[in-house]
Amino acid sequence: MTAEVVEDLRVVRVEVSTGVAAALDGMEAAVAALGAQPAAIEDARDALMSAMQALSFDDLCGQRLTRAIDALTGRTETRTEADLLNGPARGGAPDQDAIDALFDD
């Protein structure tokens, strides 16, 4: 029974990630297409950006599903607090000043 549950969780994790990635790709393409359009289109861009932000749950779901799979399969987590500080960043994360600079107008 545990093996079936683990496999189901793995399938859910892959399907959620695939679906979210496809949705985000489509929304990013729409945002890019709207890029320099008249101000009336700004509402559509805002709606797409809100939807993209709402889909960010995928990362949290993936983490929780991985934890559940690990618990069911007996794997122990060996991550330290330092491993978690940069989240899912690859190749290192930008420092906070760089992030803040993105939002400065």
Protein backbone atom coordinates (compact mmCIF):
# COMPACT_ATOMS: atom_id res chain seq x y z
CA MET A 1 0.00 0.00 0.00
CA THR A 2 2.78 2.46 0.90
CA ALA A 3 4.47 1.90 -2.46
CA GLU A 4 1.24 2.76 -4.26
CA VAL A 5 0.80 5.95 -2.23
CA VAL A 6 4.39 6.98 -2.90
CA GLU A 7 3.96 6.41 -6.63
CA ASP A 8 0.68 8.36 -6.62
CA LEU A 9 2.41 11.27 -4.86
CA ARG A 10 5.24 11.21 -7.38
CA VAL A 11 2.77 11.27 -10.26
CA VAL A 12 0.88 14.17 -8.67
CA ARG A 13 4.13 16.09 -8.16
CA VAL A 14 5.11 15.66 -11.83
CA GLU A 15 1.64 16.46 -13.16
CA VAL A 16 1.26 19.58 -11.02
CA SER A 17 4.70 20.82 -12.02
CA THR A 18 4.04 20.12 -15.70
CA GLY A 19 0.67 21.87 -15.61
CA VAL A 20 1.97 24.89 -13.75
CA ALA A 21 4.97 25.17 -16.08
CA ALA A 22 2.69 25.10 -19.13
CA ALA A 23 0.38 27.71 -17.63
CA LEU A 24 3.28 29.97 -16.70
CA ASP A 25 4.83 29.62 -20.17
CA GLY A 26 1.55 30.65 -21.76
CA MET A 27 1.10 33.58 -19.41
CA GLU A 28 4.67 34.75 -19.90
CA ALA A 29 4.15 34.64 -23.66
CA ALA A 30 0.95 36.66 -23.29
CA VAL A 31 2.67 39.23 -21.07
CA ALA A 32 5.51 39.53 -23.59
CA ALA A 33 3.03 39.95 -26.46
CA LEU A 34 1.23 42.70 -24.57
CA GLY A 35 4.55 44.40 -23.77
CA ALA A 36 4.27 47.82 -25.40
CA GLN A 37 0.54 47.90 -26.10
CA PRO A 38 -1.74 50.82 -25.17
CA ALA A 39 -2.71 51.44 -21.56
CA ALA A 40 -6.11 49.72 -22.02
CA ILE A 41 -4.24 46.41 -22.22
CA GLU A 42 -2.59 47.09 -18.86
CA ASP A 43 -5.55 45.44 -17.11
CA ALA A 44 -4.94 42.23 -19.05
CA ARG A 45 -1.24 42.31 -18.15
CA ASP A 46 -2.12 42.83 -14.49
CA ALA A 47 -4.54 39.90 -14.56
CA LEU A 48 -1.92 37.64 -16.14
CA MET A 49 0.69 38.67 -13.60
CA SER A 50 -1.75 37.94 -10.75
CA ALA A 51 -2.44 34.50 -12.20
CA MET A 52 1.28 33.81 -12.50
CA GLN A 53 1.80 34.76 -8.88
CA ALA A 54 -1.10 32.53 -7.83
CA LEU A 55 0.57 29.58 -9.57
CA SER A 56 3.67 29.97 -7.43
CA PHE A 57 2.09 27.44 -5.07
CA ASP A 58 3.80 24.79 -7.22
CA ASP A 59 7.11 25.19 -5.39
CA LEU A 60 5.50 24.76 -1.98
CA CYS A 61 3.46 21.76 -3.17
CA GLY A 62 6.58 20.16 -4.58
CA GLN A 63 8.43 20.60 -1.31
CA ARG A 64 5.59 19.14 0.73
CA LEU A 65 5.07 16.22 -1.65
CA THR A 66 8.79 15.46 -1.52
CA ARG A 67 8.66 15.50 2.28
CA ALA A 68 5.67 13.14 2.26
CA ILE A 69 7.41 10.78 -0.17
CA ASP A 70 10.57 10.87 1.92
CA ALA A 71 8.58 10.09 5.08
CA LEU A 72 6.77 7.19 3.43
CA THR A 73 9.95 5.72 1.95
CA GLY A 74 12.00 6.20 5.12
CA ARG A 75 14.45 8.67 3.62
CA THR A 76 15.75 11.21 6.07
CA GLU A 77 16.22 14.84 5.22
CA THR A 78 19.78 16.02 5.55
CA ARG A 79 19.30 19.66 4.64
CA THR A 80 20.65 22.29 6.96
CA GLU A 81 19.22 25.71 7.64
CA ALA A 82 21.92 27.19 5.38
CA ASP A 83 20.74 24.95 2.50
CA LEU A 84 17.27 26.45 2.73
CA LEU A 85 18.21 30.13 2.85
CA ASN A 86 18.36 30.62 -0.94
CA GLY A 87 15.29 28.56 -1.76
CA PRO A 88 15.30 26.86 -5.15
CA ALA A 89 17.96 29.19 -6.61
CA ARG A 90 20.38 27.53 -8.98
CA GLY A 91 23.99 28.58 -9.06
CA GLY A 92 23.60 30.90 -6.09
CA ALA A 93 21.05 33.56 -5.43
CA PRO A 94 21.37 37.29 -6.02
CA ASP A 95 21.89 39.35 -2.91
CA GLN A 96 19.06 41.34 -1.39
CA ASP A 97 20.40 44.65 -2.77
CA ALA A 98 20.14 43.26 -6.33
CA ILE A 99 16.57 42.15 -5.69
CA ASP A 100 15.65 45.53 -4.19
CA ALA A 101 17.16 47.30 -7.22
CA LEU A 102 14.68 45.47 -9.47
CA PHE A 103 11.80 47.16 -7.68
CA ASP A 104 13.26 50.66 -7.50
CA ASP A 105 11.64 53.10 -9.89
